[in-house]
C-alpha atoms as a PDB file:
ATOM      1  CA  UNK A   1     -21.444  30.597   5.453  1.00  0.00           C
ATOM      2  CA  UNK A   2     -20.603  31.190   9.327  1.00  0.00           C
ATOM      3  CA  UNK A   3     -17.555  33.059   8.923  1.00  0.00           C
ATOM      4  CA  UNK A   4     -16.494  36.766   7.488  1.00  0.00           C
ATOM      5  CA  UNK A   5     -14.983  35.730   4.198  1.00  0.00           C
ATOM      6  CA  UNK A   6     -11.552  37.253   2.350  1.00  0.00           C
ATOM      7  CA  UNK A   7     -12.542  38.740  -0.863  1.00  0.00           C
ATOM      8  CA  UNK A   8      -9.479  37.980  -3.422  1.00  0.00           C
ATOM      9  CA  UNK A   9      -8.340  38.878  -6.766  1.00  0.00           C
ATOM     10  CA  UNK A  10      -8.181  35.943  -9.593  1.00  0.00           C
ATOM     11  CA  UNK A  11      -7.371  36.173 -13.073  1.00  0.00           C
ATOM     12  CA  UNK A  12     -10.237  33.558 -14.846  1.00  0.00           C
ATOM     13  CA  UNK A  13      -7.405  32.639 -17.467  1.00  0.00           C
ATOM     14  CA  UNK A  14      -5.459  31.175 -14.948  1.00  0.00           C
ATOM     15  CA  UNK A  15      -8.663  28.792 -14.714  1.00  0.00           C
ATOM     16  CA  UNK A  16      -9.779  25.411 -16.917  1.00  0.00           C
ATOM     17  CA  UNK A  17     -11.998  26.999 -19.720  1.00  0.00           C
ATOM     18  CA  UNK A  18     -15.095  25.636 -18.314  1.00  0.00           C
ATOM     19  CA  UNK A  19     -14.954  27.441 -15.054  1.00  0.00           C
ATOM     20  CA  UNK A  20     -13.932  30.737 -16.492  1.00  0.00           C
ATOM     21  CA  UNK A  21     -18.022  31.809 -17.039  1.00  0.00           C
ATOM     22  CA  UNK A  22     -18.858  31.069 -13.481  1.00  0.00           C
ATOM     23  CA  UNK A  23     -15.973  33.240 -12.959  1.00  0.00           C
ATOM     24  CA  UNK A  24     -16.368  36.365 -14.746  1.00  0.00           C
ATOM     25  CA  UNK A  25     -17.845  39.559 -13.385  1.00  0.00           C
ATOM     26  CA  UNK A  26     -18.092  37.753 -10.315  1.00  0.00           C
ATOM     27  CA  UNK A  27     -17.013  38.912  -6.688  1.00  0.00           C
ATOM     28  CA  UNK A  28     -14.561  36.172  -5.412  1.00  0.00           C
ATOM     29  CA  UNK A  29     -13.592  35.181  -1.832  1.00  0.00           C
ATOM     30  CA  UNK A  30     -11.204  32.929  -0.035  1.00  0.00           C
ATOM     31  CA  UNK A  31     -12.860  29.925   1.634  1.00  0.00           C
ATOM     32  CA  UNK A  32     -10.314  27.603   2.103  1.00  0.00           C
ATOM     33  CA  UNK A  33      -9.834  25.446   5.646  1.00  0.00           C
ATOM     34  CA  UNK A  34      -6.786  23.286   4.692  1.00  0.00           C
ATOM     35  CA  UNK A  35      -3.510  23.262   3.499  1.00  0.00           C
ATOM     36  CA  UNK A  36      -4.505  20.682   1.075  1.00  0.00           C
ATOM     37  CA  UNK A  37      -7.189  22.306  -1.025  1.00  0.00           C
ATOM     38  CA  UNK A  38      -8.067  25.656  -1.986  1.00  0.00           C
ATOM     39  CA  UNK A  39     -11.470  27.078  -1.899  1.00  0.00           C
ATOM     40  CA  UNK A  40     -13.023  29.686  -3.235  1.00  0.00           C
ATOM     41  CA  UNK A  41     -16.752  31.192  -2.816  1.00  0.00           C
ATOM     42  CA  UNK A  42     -17.952  32.665  -6.064  1.00  0.00           C
ATOM     43  CA  UNK A  43     -20.225  35.746  -5.491  1.00  0.00           C
ATOM     44  CA  UNK A  44     -22.828  35.092  -8.862  1.00  0.00           C
ATOM     45  CA  UNK A  45     -25.928  34.275  -8.578  1.00  0.00           C
ATOM     46  CA  UNK A  46     -27.406  31.818  -5.836  1.00  0.00           C
ATOM     47  CA  UNK A  47     -23.499  31.480  -5.167  1.00  0.00           C
ATOM     48  CA  UNK A  48     -20.740  28.538  -5.610  1.00  0.00           C
ATOM     49  CA  UNK A  49     -18.150  27.465  -4.553  1.00  0.00           C
ATOM     50  CA  UNK A  50     -14.898  26.007  -6.431  1.00  0.00           C
ATOM     51  CA  UNK A  51     -12.272  23.537  -4.989  1.00  0.00           C
ATOM     52  CA  UNK A  52      -9.004  22.438  -5.981  1.00  0.00           C
ATOM     53  CA  UNK A  53      -6.730  19.727  -4.795  1.00  0.00           C
ATOM     54  CA  UNK A  54      -3.925  17.610  -6.476  1.00  0.00           C
ATOM     55  CA  UNK A  55      -5.032  15.528  -9.475  1.00  0.00           C
ATOM     56  CA  UNK A  56      -7.301  12.815  -8.444  1.00  0.00           C
ATOM     57  CA  UNK A  57      -7.563  14.038  -4.434  1.00  0.00           C
ATOM     58  CA  UNK A  58     -11.303  15.276  -5.134  1.00  0.00           C
ATOM     59  CA  UNK A  59     -12.228  12.224  -6.869  1.00  0.00           C
ATOM     60  CA  UNK A  60     -14.354  10.291  -3.877  1.00  0.00           C
ATOM     61  CA  UNK A  61     -15.640  13.818  -2.573  1.00  0.00           C
ATOM     62  CA  UNK A  62     -17.014  14.369  -5.754  1.00  0.00           C
ATOM     63  CA  UNK A  63     -18.569  10.437  -5.992  1.00  0.00           C
ATOM     64  CA  UNK A  64     -19.900  11.070  -2.643  1.00  0.00           C
ATOM     65  CA  UNK A  65     -21.545  14.260  -2.822  1.00  0.00           C
ATOM     66  CA  UNK A  66     -23.470  13.427  -5.823  1.00  0.00           C
ATOM     67  CA  UNK A  67     -24.705  10.106  -4.032  1.00  0.00           C
ATOM     68  CA  UNK A  68     -25.728  12.427  -1.032  1.00  0.00           C
ATOM     69  CA  UNK A  69     -27.231  14.929  -3.615  1.00  0.00           C
ATOM     70  CA  UNK A  70     -29.560  12.499  -4.752  1.00  0.00           C
ATOM     71  CA  UNK A  71     -29.979  11.507  -1.216  1.00  0.00           C
ATOM     72  CA  UNK A  72     -31.373  15.225  -0.873  1.00  0.00           C
ATOM     73  CA  UNK A  73     -28.805  15.617   1.628  1.00  0.00           C
ATOM     74  CA  UNK A  74     -25.997  17.698  -0.189  1.00  0.00           C
ATOM     75  CA  UNK A  75     -25.044  20.181  -2.880  1.00  0.00           C
ATOM     76  CA  UNK A  76     -25.376  19.335  -6.547  1.00  0.00           C
ATOM     77  CA  UNK A  77     -21.604  19.094  -8.315  1.00  0.00           C
ATOM     78  CA  UNK A  78     -22.028  21.540 -11.410  1.00  0.00           C
ATOM     79  CA  UNK A  79     -18.336  20.755 -12.835  1.00  0.00           C
ATOM     80  CA  UNK A  80     -15.243  17.877 -12.112  1.00  0.00           C
ATOM     81  CA  UNK A  81     -12.335  18.464 -13.924  1.00  0.00           C
ATOM     82  CA  UNK A  82      -9.139  16.433 -13.673  1.00  0.00           C
ATOM     83  CA  UNK A  83      -6.045  17.695 -15.417  1.00  0.00           C
ATOM     84  CA  UNK A  84      -3.273  18.761 -13.616  1.00  0.00           C
ATOM     85  CA  UNK A  85      -5.131  19.377 -11.161  1.00  0.00           C
ATOM     86  CA  UNK A  86      -8.664  18.535  -9.714  1.00  0.00           C
ATOM     87  CA  UNK A  87     -11.360  21.292  -9.847  1.00  0.00           C
ATOM     88  CA  UNK A  88     -14.827  20.674  -7.959  1.00  0.00           C
ATOM     89  CA  UNK A  89     -17.700  23.248  -8.595  1.00  0.00           C
ATOM     90  CA  UNK A  90     -20.664  23.276  -6.725  1.00  0.00           C
ATOM     91  CA  UNK A  91     -23.840  25.053  -5.810  1.00  0.00           C
ATOM     92  CA  UNK A  92     -23.965  27.269  -2.453  1.00  0.00           C
ATOM     93  CA  UNK A  93     -26.357  25.280  -0.353  1.00  0.00           C
ATOM     94  CA  UNK A  94     -28.999  27.800   1.409  1.00  0.00           C
ATOM     95  CA  UNK A  95     -28.221  28.654   4.828  1.00  0.00           C
ATOM     96  CA  UNK A  96     -24.903  29.337   6.903  1.00  0.00           C
ATOM     97  CA  UNK A  97     -22.954  26.586   8.840  1.00  0.00           C
ATOM     98  CA  UNK A  98     -22.966  25.687  12.342  1.00  0.00           C
ATOM     99  CA  UNK A  99     -20.543  27.538  13.777  1.00  0.00           C
ATOM    100  CA  UNK A 100     -22.687  30.759  12.416  1.00  0.00           C
ATOM    101  CA  UNK A 101     -23.523  32.816  15.692  1.00  0.00           C
ATOM    102  CA  UNK A 102     -27.116  32.690  15.597  1.00  0.00           C
ATOM    103  CA  UNK A 103     -26.199  28.831  16.074  1.00  0.00           C
ATOM    104  CA  UNK A 104     -23.533  28.747  18.645  1.00  0.00           C
ATOM    105  CA  UNK A 105     -25.695  31.064  21.092  1.00  0.00           C
ATOM    106  CA  UNK A 106     -28.294  28.359  21.245  1.00  0.00           C
ATOM    107  CA  UNK A 107     -25.958  25.552  22.405  1.00  0.00           C
ATOM    108  CA  UNK A 108     -28.289  23.381  24.017  1.00  0.00           C
ATOM    109  CA  UNK A 109     -30.303  23.763  20.908  1.00  0.00           C
ATOM    110  CA  UNK A 110     -27.567  22.749  18.638  1.00  0.00           C
ATOM    111  CA  UNK A 111     -26.403  20.216  20.559  1.00  0.00           C
ATOM    112  CA  UNK A 112     -29.556  18.485  20.433  1.00  0.00           C
ATOM    113  CA  UNK A 113     -30.064  19.375  16.299  1.00  0.00           C
ATOM    114  CA  UNK A 114     -26.911  17.792  15.705  1.00  0.00           C
ATOM    115  CA  UNK A 115     -27.753  14.510  17.449  1.00  0.00           C
ATOM    116  CA  UNK A 116     -31.185  14.469  15.716  1.00  0.00           C
ATOM    117  CA  UNK A 117     -29.345  14.718  12.532  1.00  0.00           C
ATOM    118  CA  UNK A 118     -26.858  12.181  12.276  1.00  0.00           C
ATOM    119  CA  UNK A 119     -29.459   9.702  14.046  1.00  0.00           C
ATOM    120  CA  UNK A 120     -31.351  10.074  11.114  1.00  0.00           C
ATOM    121  CA  UNK A 121     -28.785   9.649   8.697  1.00  0.00           C
ATOM    122  CA  UNK A 122     -27.782   7.208  10.850  1.00  0.00           C
ATOM    123  CA  UNK A 123     -31.073   5.466   9.487  1.00  0.00           C
ATOM    124  CA  UNK A 124     -30.845   5.948   6.159  1.00  0.00           C
ATOM    125  CA  UNK A 125     -30.507   2.972   3.394  1.00  0.00           C
ATOM    126  CA  UNK A 126     -27.272   3.159   1.850  1.00  0.00           C
ATOM    127  CA  UNK A 127     -26.984  -0.187  -0.420  1.00  0.00           C
ATOM    128  CA  UNK A 128     -26.396   2.178  -3.321  1.00  0.00           C
ATOM    129  CA  UNK A 129     -24.168   4.100  -1.434  1.00  0.00           C
ATOM    130  CA  UNK A 130     -20.565   4.133  -3.806  1.00  0.00           C
ATOM    131  CA  UNK A 131     -18.006   3.418  -0.540  1.00  0.00           C
ATOM    132  CA  UNK A 132     -19.336   0.669   1.081  1.00  0.00           C
ATOM    133  CA  UNK A 133     -15.771  -0.549   2.910  1.00  0.00           C
ATOM    134  CA  UNK A 134     -15.031   2.961   4.861  1.00  0.00           C
ATOM    135  CA  UNK A 135     -13.456   0.964   7.710  1.00  0.00           C
ATOM    136  CA  UNK A 136     -11.108  -0.513   5.383  1.00  0.00           C
ATOM    137  CA  UNK A 137     -10.187   2.736   4.126  1.00  0.00           C
ATOM    138  CA  UNK A 138     -10.553   4.343   7.830  1.00  0.00           C
ATOM    139  CA  UNK A 139      -7.604   1.919   8.688  1.00  0.00           C
ATOM    140  CA  UNK A 140      -5.183   2.013   5.560  1.00  0.00           C
ATOM    141  CA  UNK A 141      -5.508   5.930   6.127  1.00  0.00           C
ATOM    142  CA  UNK A 142      -4.517   6.042   9.417  1.00  0.00           C
ATOM    143  CA  UNK A 143      -1.541   2.872   8.752  1.00  0.00           C
ATOM    144  CA  UNK A 144      -0.037   4.974   5.891  1.00  0.00           C
ATOM    145  CA  UNK A 145      -0.018   7.956   7.760  1.00  0.00           C
ATOM    146  CA  UNK A 146       1.364   5.851  10.605  1.00  0.00           C
ATOM    147  CA  UNK A 147       4.166   4.648   8.781  1.00  0.00           C
ATOM    148  CA  UNK A 148       5.053   7.924   7.326  1.00  0.00           C
ATOM    149  CA  UNK A 149       5.537   9.397  10.537  1.00  0.00           C
ATOM    150  CA  UNK A 150       2.487  11.832  10.548  1.00  0.00           C
ATOM    151  CA  UNK A 151      -0.242  12.049  13.484  1.00  0.00           C
ATOM    152  CA  UNK A 152      -2.258  14.836  15.335  1.00  0.00           C
ATOM    153  CA  UNK A 153       0.087  15.762  18.053  1.00  0.00           C
ATOM    154  CA  UNK A 154      -2.183  18.016  19.883  1.00  0.00           C
ATOM    155  CA  UNK A 155      -5.261  15.292  19.380  1.00  0.00           C
ATOM    156  CA  UNK A 156      -2.720  12.412  20.625  1.00  0.00           C
ATOM    157  CA  UNK A 157      -2.082  14.746  23.721  1.00  0.00           C
ATOM    158  CA  UNK A 158      -5.241  15.406  24.393  1.00  0.00           C
ATOM    159  CA  UNK A 159      -7.078  11.929  24.317  1.00  0.00           C
ATOM    160  CA  UNK A 160      -3.885   9.768  24.639  1.00  0.00           C
ATOM    161  CA  UNK A 161      -1.927  11.385  27.176  1.00  0.00           C
ATOM    162  CA  UNK A 162       2.230  10.568  27.262  1.00  0.00           C
ATOM    163  CA  UNK A 163       0.931   7.907  24.920  1.00  0.00           C
ATOM    164  CA  UNK A 164       3.526   7.220  22.365  1.00  0.00           C
ATOM    165  CA  UNK A 165       2.115   7.269  17.993  1.00  0.00           C
ATOM    166  CA  UNK A 166       3.166   3.603  18.273  1.00  0.00           C
ATOM    167  CA  UNK A 167       1.358   2.626  20.859  1.00  0.00           C
ATOM    168  CA  UNK A 168      -1.859   4.947  20.141  1.00  0.00           C
ATOM    169  CA  UNK A 169      -1.409   2.605  16.598  1.00  0.00           C
ATOM    170  CA  UNK A 170      -1.284  -0.463  18.247  1.00  0.00           C
ATOM    171  CA  UNK A 171      -4.870   0.280  19.793  1.00  0.00           C
ATOM    172  CA  UNK A 172      -5.735   1.000  16.547  1.00  0.00           C
ATOM    173  CA  UNK A 173      -4.418  -2.057  14.417  1.00  0.00           C
ATOM    174  CA  UNK A 174      -5.822  -4.536  17.696  1.00  0.00           C
ATOM    175  CA  UNK A 175      -9.279  -2.779  17.704  1.00  0.00           C
ATOM    176  CA  UNK A 176     -10.136  -2.726  13.827  1.00  0.00           C
ATOM    177  CA  UNK A 177     -11.996  -5.112  13.961  1.00  0.00           C
ATOM    178  CA  UNK A 178     -14.579  -4.076  16.025  1.00  0.00           C
ATOM    179  CA  UNK A 179     -15.583  -1.310  13.301  1.00  0.00           C
ATOM    180  CA  UNK A 180     -18.720  -2.270  11.212  1.00  0.00           C
ATOM    181  CA  UNK A 181     -19.841  -0.965   7.788  1.00  0.00           C
ATOM    182  CA  UNK A 182     -23.370  -1.311   8.825  1.00  0.00           C
ATOM    183  CA  UNK A 183     -24.235   2.790   8.513  1.00  0.00           C
ATOM    184  CA  UNK A 184     -23.865   5.901   6.290  1.00  0.00           C
ATOM    185  CA  UNK A 185     -21.756   8.406   7.722  1.00  0.00           C
ATOM    186  CA  UNK A 186     -20.761  11.468   7.019  1.00  0.00           C
ATOM    187  CA  UNK A 187     -17.067  11.010   7.925  1.00  0.00           C
ATOM    188  CA  UNK A 188     -16.511  14.198   9.320  1.00  0.00           C
ATOM    189  CA  UNK A 189     -19.476  15.390  11.294  1.00  0.00           C
ATOM    190  CA  UNK A 190     -18.523  18.717  12.461  1.00  0.00           C
ATOM    191  CA  UNK A 191     -20.459  21.701  12.619  1.00  0.00           C
ATOM    192  CA  UNK A 192     -18.880  23.719   9.859  1.00  0.00           C
ATOM    193  CA  UNK A 193     -20.010  20.367   7.562  1.00  0.00           C
ATOM    194  CA  UNK A 194     -23.435  21.021   8.440  1.00  0.00           C
ATOM    195  CA  UNK A 195     -26.014  23.931   7.051  1.00  0.00           C
ATOM    196  CA  UNK A 196     -28.770  25.110   8.390  1.00  0.00           C
ATOM    197  CA  UNK A 197     -31.255  27.393   7.182  1.00  0.00           C
ATOM    198  CA  UNK A 198     -32.570  28.874  10.196  1.00  0.00           C
ATOM    199  CA  UNK A 199     -32.564  25.966  12.185  1.00  0.00           C
ATOM    200  CA  UNK A 200     -33.718  23.533   8.945  1.00  0.00           C
ATOM    201  CA  UNK A 201     -31.894  21.177   7.621  1.00  0.00           C
ATOM    202  CA  UNK A 202     -30.075  21.850   4.586  1.00  0.00           C
ATOM    203  CA  UNK A 203     -27.655  20.236   3.522  1.00  0.00           C
ATOM    204  CA  UNK A 204     -23.718  18.487   4.102  1.00  0.00           C
ATOM    205  CA  UNK A 205     -20.909  19.912   2.448  1.00  0.00           C
ATOM    206  CA  UNK A 206     -16.996  18.368   2.950  1.00  0.00           C
ATOM    207  CA  UNK A 207     -17.872  14.653   2.521  1.00  0.00           C
ATOM    208  CA  UNK A 208     -14.410  13.420   0.851  1.00  0.00           C
ATOM    209  CA  UNK A 209     -14.200  10.679   3.922  1.00  0.00           C
ATOM    210  CA  UNK A 210     -18.180   9.291   3.767  1.00  0.00           C
ATOM    211  CA  UNK A 211     -19.097   6.048   3.021  1.00  0.00           C
ATOM    212  CA  UNK A 212     -20.240   3.044   4.357  1.00  0.00           C
ATOM    213  CA  UNK A 213     -19.080   2.020   7.845  1.00  0.00           C
ATOM    214  CA  UNK A 214     -19.079   2.386  11.768  1.00  0.00           C
ATOM    215  CA  UNK A 215     -21.643   4.800  13.392  1.00  0.00           C
ATOM    216  CA  UNK A 216     -18.873   5.806  16.030  1.00  0.00           C
ATOM    217  CA  UNK A 217     -16.705   7.754  13.789  1.00  0.00           C
ATOM    218  CA  UNK A 218     -19.564  10.231  13.246  1.00  0.00           C
ATOM    219  CA  UNK A 219     -20.049  10.418  17.102  1.00  0.00           C
ATOM    220  CA  UNK A 220     -16.793  10.926  17.651  1.00  0.00           C
ATOM    221  CA  UNK A 221     -16.698  13.619  15.486  1.00  0.00           C
ATOM    222  CA  UNK A 222     -19.793  15.117  16.625  1.00  0.00           C
ATOM    223  CA  UNK A 223     -18.503  14.707  20.337  1.00  0.00           C
ATOM    224  CA  UNK A 224     -15.708  16.342  19.257  1.00  0.00           C
ATOM    225  CA  UNK A 225     -16.648  19.091  17.457  1.00  0.00           C
ATOM    226  CA  UNK A 226     -19.206  20.101  20.577  1.00  0.00           C
ATOM    227  CA  UNK A 227     -16.277  20.443  22.555  1.00  0.00           C
ATOM    228  CA  UNK A 228     -13.866  22.274  20.402  1.00  0.00           C
ATOM    229  CA  UNK A 229     -16.495  24.901  19.031  1.00  0.00           C
ATOM    230  CA  UNK A 230     -18.608  25.635  22.589  1.00  0.00           C
ATOM    231  CA  UNK A 231     -15.557  25.851  24.105  1.00  0.00           C
ATOM    232  CA  UNK A 232     -16.683  23.101  26.795  1.00  0.00           C
ATOM    233  CA  UNK A 233     -17.005  19.491  27.291  1.00  0.00           C
ATOM    234  CA  UNK A 234     -20.637  20.208  29.279  1.00  0.00           C
ATOM    235  CA  UNK A 235     -22.868  18.809  26.161  1.00  0.00           C
ATOM    236  CA  UNK A 236     -21.119  15.746  25.298  1.00  0.00           C
ATOM    237  CA  UNK A 237     -23.784  13.494  27.910  1.00  0.00           C
ATOM    238  CA  UNK A 238     -26.686  15.603  26.954  1.00  0.00           C
ATOM    239  CA  UNK A 239     -25.889  14.748  22.959  1.00  0.00           C
ATOM    240  CA  UNK A 240     -25.222  10.961  23.566  1.00  0.00           C
ATOM    241  CA  UNK A 241     -28.854  11.329  25.119  1.00  0.00           C
ATOM    242  CA  UNK A 242     -30.145  12.402  22.560  1.00  0.00           C
ATOM    243  CA  UNK A 243     -28.845  10.416  20.076  1.00  0.00           C
ATOM    244  CA  UNK A 244     -29.278   7.415  22.011  1.00  0.00           C
ATOM    245  CA  UNK A 245     -27.016   6.184  24.638  1.00  0.00           C
ATOM    246  CA  UNK A 246     -27.890   2.572  23.705  1.00  0.00           C
ATOM    247  CA  UNK A 247     -26.430   2.913  20.579  1.00  0.00           C
ATOM    248  CA  UNK A 248     -23.095   4.674  21.649  1.00  0.00           C
ATOM    249  CA  UNK A 249     -20.226   1.871  22.300  1.00  0.00           C
ATOM    250  CA  UNK A 250     -17.415   3.573  24.617  1.00  0.00           C
ATOM    251  CA  UNK A 251     -14.678   0.587  23.404  1.00  0.00           C
ATOM    252  CA  UNK A 252     -15.625   1.401  19.983  1.00  0.00           C
ATOM    253  CA  UNK A 253     -15.447   5.289  20.573  1.00  0.00           C
ATOM    254  CA  UNK A 254     -11.572   4.405  21.495  1.00  0.00           C
ATOM    255  CA  UNK A 255     -10.657   2.678  18.876  1.00  0.00           C
ATOM    256  CA  UNK A 256     -12.004   5.461  16.427  1.00  0.00           C
ATOM    257  CA  UNK A 257     -10.226   7.755  18.747  1.00  0.00           C
ATOM    258  CA  UNK A 258      -7.015   6.096  18.164  1.00  0.00           C
ATOM    259  CA  UNK A 259      -7.433   5.772  14.291  1.00  0.00           C
ATOM    260  CA  UNK A 260      -8.297   9.529  14.440  1.00  0.00           C
ATOM    261  CA  UNK A 261      -4.962  10.843  15.587  1.00  0.00           C
ATOM    262  CA  UNK A 262      -3.362   9.659  12.274  1.00  0.00           C
ATOM    263  CA  UNK A 263      -5.740  11.427   9.975  1.00  0.00           C
END
């Protein structure tokens, strides 16, 4: 899984009845990495992940995980329960995510592997994808965050220096027409969301922002994660070359960067 998880105690009676059998007599670890959702790893059999969030919050992720599973790109959704809260139970994908030391210790190979995987994903058939208007949803989400005064201050400072949120949102608003809906996206193409089994692709996780949209969304996050997780920007040009320099539009990357400041 790439990081050491913290063991926790759980009472199966506090979970929906359908989930209690898999929790019973199992070791459970906290695998959460978000403030809006809780994830636990259940060490039983081949392993399971159980994610919970507010009611309705996991609906899109369930839909897209099932779709990617059908393409051989993700895990199987075993249970989806939406009652007072949402619960999604999935099988563990064999392997480790790409922030495991064995991958980070070979940054050139990791960079090239990430570019190869993204290039393959972006050539896949997408007619059956249940979300075909990612770019519209992308803008609506950014607009909602902007109007609520919510934005990533660190990302805003890193990319846009002293620009104010209104200025950054105006860039996104004026450039939204440039973003297409012509590519199958992961939506959050970062190293922790790519699972490899001894360097062989095993699957994608955290697909709640996937759909058919503009490839520069995934390119943006691939470049961001290489810089963030490898603590250097020296692999940026290597990634672009490996992915295909002719398929990367700097202006569309700039527009996506403006969107992403607002999550």
